[in-house]
Full PDB file with SEQRES, HELIX, SHEET, SSBOND, CRYST1, ORIGX, SCALE, CONECT and MASTER records, all heavy atoms in Angstrom:
SEQRES   1 A   42  GLN THR VAL SER ALA LEU THR GLY THR GLY PHE SER THR          
SEQRES   2 A   42  ILE ASP ILE ALA SER LEU SER ASP ALA SER LYS GLY PHE          
SEQRES   3 A   42  LEU SER ALA ILE MET CYS ILE GLY GLY SER ILE GLY SER          
SEQRES   4 A   42  THR THR GLY                                                  
HELIX    1 AA1 THR A    2  LEU A    6  1                                   5    
HELIX    2 AA2 ILE A   16  SER A   18  5                                   3    
HELIX    3 AA3 ASP A   21  MET A   31  1                                  11    
CRYST1    1.000    1.000    1.000  90.00  90.00  90.00 P 1           1          
ORIGX1      1.000000  0.000000  0.000000        0.00000                         
ORIGX2      0.000000  1.000000  0.000000        0.00000                         
ORIGX3      0.000000  0.000000  1.000000        0.00000                         
SCALE1      1.000000  0.000000  0.000000        0.00000                         
SCALE2      0.000000  1.000000  0.000000        0.00000                         
SCALE3      0.000000  0.000000  1.000000        0.00000                         
ATOM      1  N   GLN A   1       0.820  -1.183  -0.008  1.00  0.00           N  
ATOM      2  CA  GLN A   1      -0.003   0.033   0.017  1.00  0.00           C  
ATOM      3  C   GLN A   1       0.897   1.255   0.013  1.00  0.00           C  
ATOM      4  O   GLN A   1       0.510   2.251  -0.661  1.00  0.00           O  
ATOM      5  CB  GLN A   1      -0.911   0.025   1.186  1.00  0.00           C  
ATOM      6  CG  GLN A   1      -1.917  -1.036   1.241  1.00  0.00           C  
ATOM      7  CD  GLN A   1      -2.916  -0.952  -0.063  1.00  0.00           C  
ATOM      8  OE1 GLN A   1      -3.371  -1.910  -0.475  1.00  0.00           O  
ATOM      9  NE2 GLN A   1      -3.081   0.295  -0.561  1.00  0.00           N  
ATOM     10  N   THR A   2       1.985   1.199   0.641  1.00  0.00           N  
ATOM     11  CA  THR A   2       2.919   2.384   0.729  1.00  0.00           C  
ATOM     12  C   THR A   2       3.462   2.689  -0.711  1.00  0.00           C  
ATOM     13  O   THR A   2       3.435   3.864  -1.138  1.00  0.00           O  
ATOM     14  CB  THR A   2       4.033   2.188   1.645  1.00  0.00           C  
ATOM     15  OG1 THR A   2       3.483   1.977   3.045  1.00  0.00           O  
ATOM     16  CG2 THR A   2       4.935   3.322   1.693  1.00  0.00           C  
ATOM     17  N   VAL A   3       3.967   1.640  -1.329  1.00  0.00           N  
ATOM     18  CA  VAL A   3       4.466   1.840  -2.702  1.00  0.00           C  
ATOM     19  C   VAL A   3       3.523   2.145  -3.675  1.00  0.00           C  
ATOM     20  O   VAL A   3       3.614   3.079  -4.548  1.00  0.00           O  
ATOM     21  CB  VAL A   3       5.211   0.572  -3.135  1.00  0.00           C  
ATOM     22  CG1 VAL A   3       5.703   0.633  -4.576  1.00  0.00           C  
ATOM     23  CG2 VAL A   3       6.412   0.262  -2.230  1.00  0.00           C  
ATOM     24  N   SER A   4       2.352   1.611  -3.510  1.00  0.00           N  
ATOM     25  CA  SER A   4       1.197   1.893  -4.459  1.00  0.00           C  
ATOM     26  C   SER A   4       0.739   3.358  -4.270  1.00  0.00           C  
ATOM     27  O   SER A   4       0.424   4.049  -5.279  1.00  0.00           O  
ATOM     28  CB  SER A   4      -0.047   0.948  -4.114  1.00  0.00           C  
ATOM     29  OG  SER A   4      -1.141   1.331  -4.956  1.00  0.00           O  
ATOM     30  N   ALA A   5       0.688   3.890  -3.056  1.00  0.00           N  
ATOM     31  CA  ALA A   5       0.295   5.240  -2.816  1.00  0.00           C  
ATOM     32  C   ALA A   5       1.426   6.275  -3.323  1.00  0.00           C  
ATOM     33  O   ALA A   5       1.099   7.189  -3.891  1.00  0.00           O  
ATOM     34  CB  ALA A   5      -0.027   5.455  -1.360  1.00  0.00           C  
ATOM     35  N   LEU A   6       2.708   5.870  -2.942  1.00  0.00           N  
ATOM     36  CA  LEU A   6       3.811   6.828  -3.270  1.00  0.00           C  
ATOM     37  C   LEU A   6       3.944   6.988  -4.742  1.00  0.00           C  
ATOM     38  O   LEU A   6       4.186   8.059  -5.275  1.00  0.00           O  
ATOM     39  CB  LEU A   6       5.064   6.280  -2.640  1.00  0.00           C  
ATOM     40  CG  LEU A   6       6.333   7.027  -2.942  1.00  0.00           C  
ATOM     41  CD1 LEU A   6       6.114   8.412  -2.299  1.00  0.00           C  
ATOM     42  CD2 LEU A   6       7.536   6.316  -2.295  1.00  0.00           C  
ATOM     43  N   THR A   7       3.741   5.886  -5.509  1.00  0.00           N  
ATOM     44  CA  THR A   7       3.869   6.055  -6.968  1.00  0.00           C  
ATOM     45  C   THR A   7       2.569   6.474  -7.637  1.00  0.00           C  
ATOM     46  O   THR A   7       2.481   6.639  -8.865  1.00  0.00           O  
ATOM     47  CB  THR A   7       4.210   4.535  -7.563  1.00  0.00           C  
ATOM     48  OG1 THR A   7       3.205   3.618  -7.233  1.00  0.00           O  
ATOM     49  CG2 THR A   7       5.588   4.077  -7.026  1.00  0.00           C  
ATOM     50  N   GLY A   8       1.542   6.711  -6.801  1.00  0.00           N  
ATOM     51  CA  GLY A   8       0.291   7.109  -7.373  1.00  0.00           C  
ATOM     52  C   GLY A   8      -0.510   6.111  -8.173  1.00  0.00           C  
ATOM     53  O   GLY A   8      -1.439   6.472  -8.932  1.00  0.00           O  
ATOM     54  N   THR A   9      -0.184   4.829  -7.968  1.00  0.00           N  
ATOM     55  CA  THR A   9      -0.831   3.804  -8.802  1.00  0.00           C  
ATOM     56  C   THR A   9      -2.289   3.575  -8.276  1.00  0.00           C  
ATOM     57  O   THR A   9      -3.204   3.553  -9.074  1.00  0.00           O  
ATOM     58  CB  THR A   9       0.015   2.442  -8.667  1.00  0.00           C  
ATOM     59  OG1 THR A   9       1.381   2.723  -9.116  1.00  0.00           O  
ATOM     60  CG2 THR A   9      -0.601   1.443  -9.617  1.00  0.00           C  
ATOM     61  N   GLY A  10      -2.379   3.239  -6.982  1.00  0.00           N  
ATOM     62  CA  GLY A  10      -3.814   3.164  -6.483  1.00  0.00           C  
ATOM     63  C   GLY A  10      -4.285   1.676  -6.380  1.00  0.00           C  
ATOM     64  O   GLY A  10      -5.346   1.432  -5.965  1.00  0.00           O  
ATOM     65  N   PHE A  11      -3.332   0.652  -6.683  1.00  0.00           N  
ATOM     66  CA  PHE A  11      -3.764  -0.682  -6.370  1.00  0.00           C  
ATOM     67  C   PHE A  11      -3.863  -0.907  -4.851  1.00  0.00           C  
ATOM     68  O   PHE A  11      -3.383  -0.090  -4.055  1.00  0.00           O  
ATOM     69  CB  PHE A  11      -2.764  -1.689  -6.853  1.00  0.00           C  
ATOM     70  CG  PHE A  11      -2.735  -1.837  -8.357  1.00  0.00           C  
ATOM     71  CD1 PHE A  11      -1.439  -1.689  -9.080  1.00  0.00           C  
ATOM     72  CD2 PHE A  11      -3.829  -2.228  -9.052  1.00  0.00           C  
ATOM     73  CE1 PHE A  11      -1.492  -1.910 -10.530  1.00  0.00           C  
ATOM     74  CE2 PHE A  11      -3.849  -2.457 -10.355  1.00  0.00           C  
ATOM     75  CZ  PHE A  11      -2.672  -2.228 -11.145  1.00  0.00           C  
ATOM     76  N   SER A  12      -4.606  -1.917  -4.499  1.00  0.00           N  
ATOM     77  CA  SER A  12      -4.826  -2.197  -3.057  1.00  0.00           C  
ATOM     78  C   SER A  12      -4.849  -3.757  -2.816  1.00  0.00           C  
ATOM     79  O   SER A  12      -5.445  -4.480  -3.656  1.00  0.00           O  
ATOM     80  CB  SER A  12      -6.057  -1.481  -2.421  1.00  0.00           C  
ATOM     81  OG  SER A  12      -7.219  -1.947  -3.116  1.00  0.00           O  
ATOM     82  N   THR A  13      -4.439  -4.047  -1.654  1.00  0.00           N  
ATOM     83  CA  THR A  13      -4.605  -5.500  -1.248  1.00  0.00           C  
ATOM     84  C   THR A  13      -5.521  -5.618  -0.002  1.00  0.00           C  
ATOM     85  O   THR A  13      -5.773  -6.716   0.453  1.00  0.00           O  
ATOM     86  CB  THR A  13      -3.202  -6.094  -0.779  1.00  0.00           C  
ATOM     87  OG1 THR A  13      -2.642  -5.284   0.150  1.00  0.00           O  
ATOM     88  CG2 THR A  13      -2.338  -6.228  -2.091  1.00  0.00           C  
ATOM     89  N   ILE A  14      -5.931  -4.418   0.454  1.00  0.00           N  
ATOM     90  CA  ILE A  14      -6.821  -4.328   1.641  1.00  0.00           C  
ATOM     91  C   ILE A  14      -8.042  -3.407   1.342  1.00  0.00           C  
ATOM     92  O   ILE A  14      -8.000  -2.628   0.375  1.00  0.00           O  
ATOM     93  CB  ILE A  14      -6.119  -3.911   2.865  1.00  0.00           C  
ATOM     94  CG1 ILE A  14      -5.450  -2.566   2.721  1.00  0.00           C  
ATOM     95  CG2 ILE A  14      -5.145  -4.900   3.331  1.00  0.00           C  
ATOM     96  CD1 ILE A  14      -4.752  -2.050   3.951  1.00  0.00           C  
ATOM     97  N   ASP A  15      -9.035  -3.487   2.135  1.00  0.00           N  
ATOM     98  CA  ASP A  15     -10.174  -2.643   1.992  1.00  0.00           C  
ATOM     99  C   ASP A  15      -9.849  -1.254   2.504  1.00  0.00           C  
ATOM    100  O   ASP A  15      -9.761  -1.065   3.758  1.00  0.00           O  
ATOM    101  CB  ASP A  15     -11.392  -3.202   2.697  1.00  0.00           C  
ATOM    102  CG  ASP A  15     -12.677  -2.372   2.515  1.00  0.00           C  
ATOM    103  OD1 ASP A  15     -12.594  -1.507   1.678  1.00  0.00           O  
ATOM    104  OD2 ASP A  15     -13.568  -2.573   3.287  1.00  0.00           O  
ATOM    105  N   ILE A  16      -9.614  -0.318   1.590  1.00  0.00           N  
ATOM    106  CA  ILE A  16      -9.218   1.053   2.014  1.00  0.00           C  
ATOM    107  C   ILE A  16     -10.342   1.674   2.857  1.00  0.00           C  
ATOM    108  O   ILE A  16     -10.044   2.522   3.792  1.00  0.00           O  
ATOM    109  CB  ILE A  16      -8.928   1.882   0.748  1.00  0.00           C  
ATOM    110  CG1 ILE A  16      -7.810   1.266  -0.013  1.00  0.00           C  
ATOM    111  CG2 ILE A  16      -8.507   3.309   1.210  1.00  0.00           C  
ATOM    112  CD1 ILE A  16      -6.493   1.156   0.655  1.00  0.00           C  
ATOM    113  N   ALA A  17     -11.580   1.470   2.467  1.00  0.00           N  
ATOM    114  CA  ALA A  17     -12.667   2.134   3.155  1.00  0.00           C  
ATOM    115  C   ALA A  17     -12.687   1.728   4.703  1.00  0.00           C  
ATOM    116  O   ALA A  17     -13.258   2.624   5.555  1.00  0.00           O  
ATOM    117  CB  ALA A  17     -14.006   1.784   2.567  1.00  0.00           C  
ATOM    118  N   SER A  18     -12.185   0.642   5.103  1.00  0.00           N  
ATOM    119  CA  SER A  18     -12.199   0.238   6.442  1.00  0.00           C  
ATOM    120  C   SER A  18     -11.105   0.670   7.258  1.00  0.00           C  
ATOM    121  O   SER A  18     -10.992   0.395   8.451  1.00  0.00           O  
ATOM    122  CB  SER A  18     -12.321  -1.338   6.494  1.00  0.00           C  
ATOM    123  OG  SER A  18     -11.181  -1.944   5.998  1.00  0.00           O  
ATOM    124  N   LEU A  19     -10.139   1.423   6.657  1.00  0.00           N  
ATOM    125  CA  LEU A  19      -8.936   1.884   7.383  1.00  0.00           C  
ATOM    126  C   LEU A  19      -9.250   2.980   8.296  1.00  0.00           C  
ATOM    127  O   LEU A  19     -10.303   3.685   8.173  1.00  0.00           O  
ATOM    128  CB  LEU A  19      -7.914   2.410   6.366  1.00  0.00           C  
ATOM    129  CG  LEU A  19      -7.294   1.253   5.386  1.00  0.00           C  
ATOM    130  CD1 LEU A  19      -6.254   1.939   4.546  1.00  0.00           C  
ATOM    131  CD2 LEU A  19      -6.672   0.149   6.297  1.00  0.00           C  
ATOM    132  N   SER A  20      -8.450   3.213   9.262  1.00  0.00           N  
ATOM    133  CA  SER A  20      -8.608   4.307  10.243  1.00  0.00           C  
ATOM    134  C   SER A  20      -8.401   5.639   9.517  1.00  0.00           C  
ATOM    135  O   SER A  20      -7.804   5.724   8.392  1.00  0.00           O  
ATOM    136  CB  SER A  20      -7.715   4.146  11.381  1.00  0.00           C  
ATOM    137  OG  SER A  20      -6.305   4.222  10.986  1.00  0.00           O  
ATOM    138  N   ASP A  21      -8.773   6.704  10.056  1.00  0.00           N  
ATOM    139  CA  ASP A  21      -8.607   8.069   9.540  1.00  0.00           C  
ATOM    140  C   ASP A  21      -7.059   8.322   9.525  1.00  0.00           C  
ATOM    141  O   ASP A  21      -6.575   9.012   8.507  1.00  0.00           O  
ATOM    142  CB  ASP A  21      -9.158   9.065  10.380  1.00  0.00           C  
ATOM    143  CG  ASP A  21     -10.734   9.092  10.341  1.00  0.00           C  
ATOM    144  OD1 ASP A  21     -11.213   8.476   9.361  1.00  0.00           O  
ATOM    145  OD2 ASP A  21     -11.408   9.643  11.263  1.00  0.00           O  
ATOM    146  N   ALA A  22      -6.256   7.809  10.433  1.00  0.00           N  
ATOM    147  CA  ALA A  22      -4.839   8.030  10.415  1.00  0.00           C  
ATOM    148  C   ALA A  22      -4.206   7.352   9.211  1.00  0.00           C  
ATOM    149  O   ALA A  22      -3.369   7.969   8.460  1.00  0.00           O  
ATOM    150  CB  ALA A  22      -4.206   7.562  11.673  1.00  0.00           C  
ATOM    151  N   SER A  23      -4.686   6.093   8.908  1.00  0.00           N  
ATOM    152  CA  SER A  23      -4.078   5.374   7.731  1.00  0.00           C  
ATOM    153  C   SER A  23      -4.524   5.982   6.453  1.00  0.00           C  
ATOM    154  O   SER A  23      -3.710   6.143   5.531  1.00  0.00           O  
ATOM    155  CB  SER A  23      -4.637   3.931   7.860  1.00  0.00           C  
ATOM    156  OG  SER A  23      -4.220   3.229   8.950  1.00  0.00           O  
ATOM    157  N   LYS A  24      -5.720   6.465   6.328  1.00  0.00           N  
ATOM    158  CA  LYS A  24      -6.219   7.170   5.087  1.00  0.00           C  
ATOM    159  C   LYS A  24      -5.408   8.541   4.890  1.00  0.00           C  
ATOM    160  O   LYS A  24      -5.098   8.781   3.835  1.00  0.00           O  
ATOM    161  CB  LYS A  24      -7.705   7.426   5.199  1.00  0.00           C  
ATOM    162  CG  LYS A  24      -8.582   6.107   5.192  1.00  0.00           C  
ATOM    163  CD  LYS A  24     -10.036   6.528   5.292  1.00  0.00           C  
ATOM    164  CE  LYS A  24     -10.914   5.208   5.242  1.00  0.00           C  
ATOM    165  NZ  LYS A  24     -12.352   5.521   5.547  1.00  0.00           N  
ATOM    166  N   GLY A  25      -5.234   9.198   5.963  1.00  0.00           N  
ATOM    167  CA  GLY A  25      -4.550  10.464   5.922  1.00  0.00           C  
ATOM    168  C   GLY A  25      -3.105  10.228   5.445  1.00  0.00           C  
ATOM    169  O   GLY A  25      -2.572  11.026   4.662  1.00  0.00           O  
ATOM    170  N   PHE A  26      -2.513   9.242   5.999  1.00  0.00           N  
ATOM    171  CA  PHE A  26      -1.067   8.939   5.673  1.00  0.00           C  
ATOM    172  C   PHE A  26      -0.973   8.593   4.117  1.00  0.00           C  
ATOM    173  O   PHE A  26      -0.128   9.122   3.485  1.00  0.00           O  
ATOM    174  CB  PHE A  26      -0.480   7.762   6.450  1.00  0.00           C  
ATOM    175  CG  PHE A  26       0.855   7.332   6.094  1.00  0.00           C  
ATOM    176  CD1 PHE A  26       2.045   8.101   6.500  1.00  0.00           C  
ATOM    177  CD2 PHE A  26       0.975   6.248   5.310  1.00  0.00           C  
ATOM    178  CE1 PHE A  26       3.215   7.645   6.081  1.00  0.00           C  
ATOM    179  CE2 PHE A  26       2.308   5.764   4.858  1.00  0.00           C  
ATOM    180  CZ  PHE A  26       3.384   6.566   5.366  1.00  0.00           C  
ATOM    181  N   LEU A  27      -1.869   7.688   3.652  1.00  0.00           N  
ATOM    182  CA  LEU A  27      -1.791   7.308   2.297  1.00  0.00           C  
ATOM    183  C   LEU A  27      -2.055   8.504   1.308  1.00  0.00           C  
ATOM    184  O   LEU A  27      -1.417   8.621   0.263  1.00  0.00           O  
ATOM    185  CB  LEU A  27      -2.748   6.183   1.998  1.00  0.00           C  
ATOM    186  CG  LEU A  27      -2.563   4.891   2.581  1.00  0.00           C  
ATOM    187  CD1 LEU A  27      -3.690   3.886   2.183  1.00  0.00           C  
ATOM    188  CD2 LEU A  27      -1.198   4.345   2.161  1.00  0.00           C  
ATOM    189  N   SER A  28      -2.967   9.352   1.727  1.00  0.00           N  
ATOM    190  CA  SER A  28      -3.233  10.599   0.981  1.00  0.00           C  
ATOM    191  C   SER A  28      -2.044  11.524   0.874  1.00  0.00           C  
ATOM    192  O   SER A  28      -1.827  12.082  -0.145  1.00  0.00           O  
ATOM    193  CB  SER A  28      -4.454  11.376   1.518  1.00  0.00           C  
ATOM    194  OG  SER A  28      -5.644  10.569   1.538  1.00  0.00           O  
ATOM    195  N   ALA A  29      -1.358  11.665   2.023  1.00  0.00           N  
ATOM    196  CA  ALA A  29      -0.176  12.558   2.092  1.00  0.00           C  
ATOM    197  C   ALA A  29       0.939  12.088   1.139  1.00  0.00           C  
ATOM    198  O   ALA A  29       1.432  12.877   0.369  1.00  0.00           O  
ATOM    199  CB  ALA A  29       0.330  12.662   3.459  1.00  0.00           C  
ATOM    200  N   ILE A  30       1.270  10.731   1.195  1.00  0.00           N  
ATOM    201  CA  ILE A  30       2.362  10.320   0.326  1.00  0.00           C  
ATOM    202  C   ILE A  30       2.002  10.212  -1.110  1.00  0.00           C  
ATOM    203  O   ILE A  30       2.858  10.171  -2.002  1.00  0.00           O  
ATOM    204  CB  ILE A  30       3.013   8.962   0.929  1.00  0.00           C  
ATOM    205  CG1 ILE A  30       1.913   7.869   0.835  1.00  0.00           C  
ATOM    206  CG2 ILE A  30       3.533   9.129   2.323  1.00  0.00           C  
ATOM    207  CD1 ILE A  30       2.518   6.476   1.218  1.00  0.00           C  
ATOM    208  N   MET A  31       0.699  10.081  -1.337  1.00  0.00           N  
ATOM    209  CA  MET A  31       0.264  10.048  -2.707  1.00  0.00           C  
ATOM    210  C   MET A  31       0.486  11.329  -3.400  1.00  0.00           C  
ATOM    211  O   MET A  31       0.618  11.387  -4.665  1.00  0.00           O  
ATOM    212  CB  MET A  31      -1.262   9.668  -2.786  1.00  0.00           C  
ATOM    213  CG  MET A  31      -1.734   9.396  -4.190  1.00  0.00           C  
ATOM    214  SD  MET A  31      -3.509   8.841  -4.211  1.00  0.00           S  
ATOM    215  CE  MET A  31      -3.367   7.323  -3.368  1.00  0.00           C  
ATOM    216  N   CYS A  32       0.563  12.387  -2.753  1.00  0.00           N  
ATOM    217  CA  CYS A  32       0.838  13.781  -3.219  1.00  0.00           C  
ATOM    218  C   CYS A  32       2.219  13.865  -3.788  1.00  0.00           C  
ATOM    219  O   CYS A  32       2.594  14.804  -4.569  1.00  0.00           O  
ATOM    220  CB  CYS A  32       0.506  14.829  -2.335  1.00  0.00           C  
ATOM    221  SG  CYS A  32      -1.202  15.003  -1.856  1.00  0.00           S  
ATOM    222  N   ILE A  33       3.171  13.071  -3.220  1.00  0.00           N  
ATOM    223  CA  ILE A  33       4.540  13.183  -3.643  1.00  0.00           C  
ATOM    224  C   ILE A  33       4.862  12.672  -4.990  1.00  0.00           C  
ATOM    225  O   ILE A  33       5.337  13.380  -5.842  1.00  0.00           O  
ATOM    226  CB  ILE A  33       5.453  12.429  -2.641  1.00  0.00           C  
ATOM    227  CG1 ILE A  33       5.331  13.036  -1.190  1.00  0.00           C  
ATOM    228  CG2 ILE A  33       6.934  12.496  -3.009  1.00  0.00           C  
ATOM    229  CD1 ILE A  33       6.002  12.298  -0.094  1.00  0.00           C  
ATOM    230  N   GLY A  34       4.430  11.373  -5.306  1.00  0.00           N  
ATOM    231  CA  GLY A  34       4.621  10.825  -6.617  1.00  0.00           C  
ATOM    232  C   GLY A  34       6.061  10.288  -6.801  1.00  0.00           C  
ATOM    233  O   GLY A  34       6.797  10.137  -5.839  1.00  0.00           O  
ATOM    234  N   GLY A  35       6.395   9.894  -7.999  1.00  0.00           N  
ATOM    235  CA  GLY A  35       7.681   9.373  -8.366  1.00  0.00           C  
ATOM    236  C   GLY A  35       8.681  10.360  -8.943  1.00  0.00           C  
ATOM    237  O   GLY A  35       8.635  11.529  -8.703  1.00  0.00           O  
ATOM    238  N   SER A  36       9.581   9.863  -9.780  1.00  0.00           N  
ATOM    239  CA  SER A  36      10.597  10.695 -10.411  1.00  0.00           C  
ATOM    240  C   SER A  36      10.017  11.524 -11.589  1.00  0.00           C  
ATOM    241  O   SER A  36       9.044  11.224 -12.166  1.00  0.00           O  
ATOM    242  CB  SER A  36      11.677   9.741 -10.893  1.00  0.00           C  
ATOM    243  OG  SER A  36      12.272   8.994  -9.922  1.00  0.00           O  
ATOM    244  N   ILE A  37      10.720  12.703 -11.849  1.00  0.00           N  
ATOM    245  CA  ILE A  37      10.390  13.393 -13.048  1.00  0.00           C  
ATOM    246  C   ILE A  37      10.819  12.541 -14.248  1.00  0.00           C  
ATOM    247  O   ILE A  37      11.833  11.972 -14.295  1.00  0.00           O  
ATOM    248  CB  ILE A  37      11.246  14.792 -13.049  1.00  0.00           C  
ATOM    249  CG1 ILE A  37      10.574  15.749 -12.001  1.00  0.00           C  
ATOM    250  CG2 ILE A  37      11.222  15.433 -14.408  1.00  0.00           C  
ATOM    251  CD1 ILE A  37      11.234  17.079 -11.902  1.00  0.00           C  
ATOM    252  N   GLY A  38       9.958  12.582 -15.203  1.00  0.00           N  
ATOM    253  CA  GLY A  38      10.152  11.708 -16.326  1.00  0.00           C  
ATOM    254  C   GLY A  38       9.696  10.342 -16.234  1.00  0.00           C  
ATOM    255  O   GLY A  38       9.836   9.563 -17.248  1.00  0.00           O  
ATOM    256  N   SER A  39       8.846  10.105 -15.261  1.00  0.00           N  
ATOM    257  CA  SER A  39       8.179   8.780 -15.154  1.00  0.00           C  
ATOM    258  C   SER A  39       6.734   8.972 -15.391  1.00  0.00           C  
ATOM    259  O   SER A  39       6.249   9.972 -15.875  1.00  0.00           O  
ATOM    260  CB  SER A  39       8.381   8.368 -13.642  1.00  0.00           C  
ATOM    261  OG  SER A  39       7.644   9.127 -12.771  1.00  0.00           O  
ATOM    262  N   THR A  40       5.902   7.926 -15.153  1.00  0.00           N  
ATOM    263  CA  THR A  40       4.477   7.935 -15.433  1.00  0.00           C  
ATOM    264  C   THR A  40       3.624   8.411 -14.268  1.00  0.00           C  
ATOM    265  O   THR A  40       2.392   8.408 -14.330  1.00  0.00           O  
ATOM    266  CB  THR A  40       4.001   6.584 -15.949  1.00  0.00           C  
ATOM    267  OG1 THR A  40       4.257   5.594 -14.949  1.00  0.00           O  
ATOM    268  CG2 THR A  40       4.710   6.091 -17.209  1.00  0.00           C  
ATOM    269  N   THR A  41       4.296   8.618 -13.154  1.00  0.00           N  
ATOM    270  CA  THR A  41       3.567   8.992 -11.960  1.00  0.00           C  
ATOM    271  C   THR A  41       3.052  10.446 -11.917  1.00  0.00           C  
ATOM    272  O   THR A  41       3.507  11.279 -12.689  1.00  0.00           O  
ATOM    273  CB  THR A  41       4.411   8.779 -10.685  1.00  0.00           C  
ATOM    274  OG1 THR A  41       5.577   9.696 -10.803  1.00  0.00           O  
ATOM    275  CG2 THR A  41       4.974   7.365 -10.603  1.00  0.00           C  
ATOM    276  N   GLY A  42       2.132  10.660 -11.040  1.00  0.00           N  
ATOM    277  CA  GLY A  42       1.657  12.101 -10.805  1.00  0.00           C  
ATOM    278  C   GLY A  42       2.325  12.695  -9.612  1.00  0.00           C  
ATOM    279  O   GLY A  42       3.313  12.276  -9.204  1.00  0.00           O  
TER     280      GLY A  42                                                      
MASTER        0    0    0    3    0    0    0    6  279    1    0    4          
END                                                                             
């Protein structure tokens, strides 16, 4: 989930809706970072 969020991919192996607010907030925060310049990430 960390790699999926950091790269902005969005795959999941768990039910995201059932996560705590802290977990959802953390994933949302690192999703804003993205990958390298010149890659396919956002």
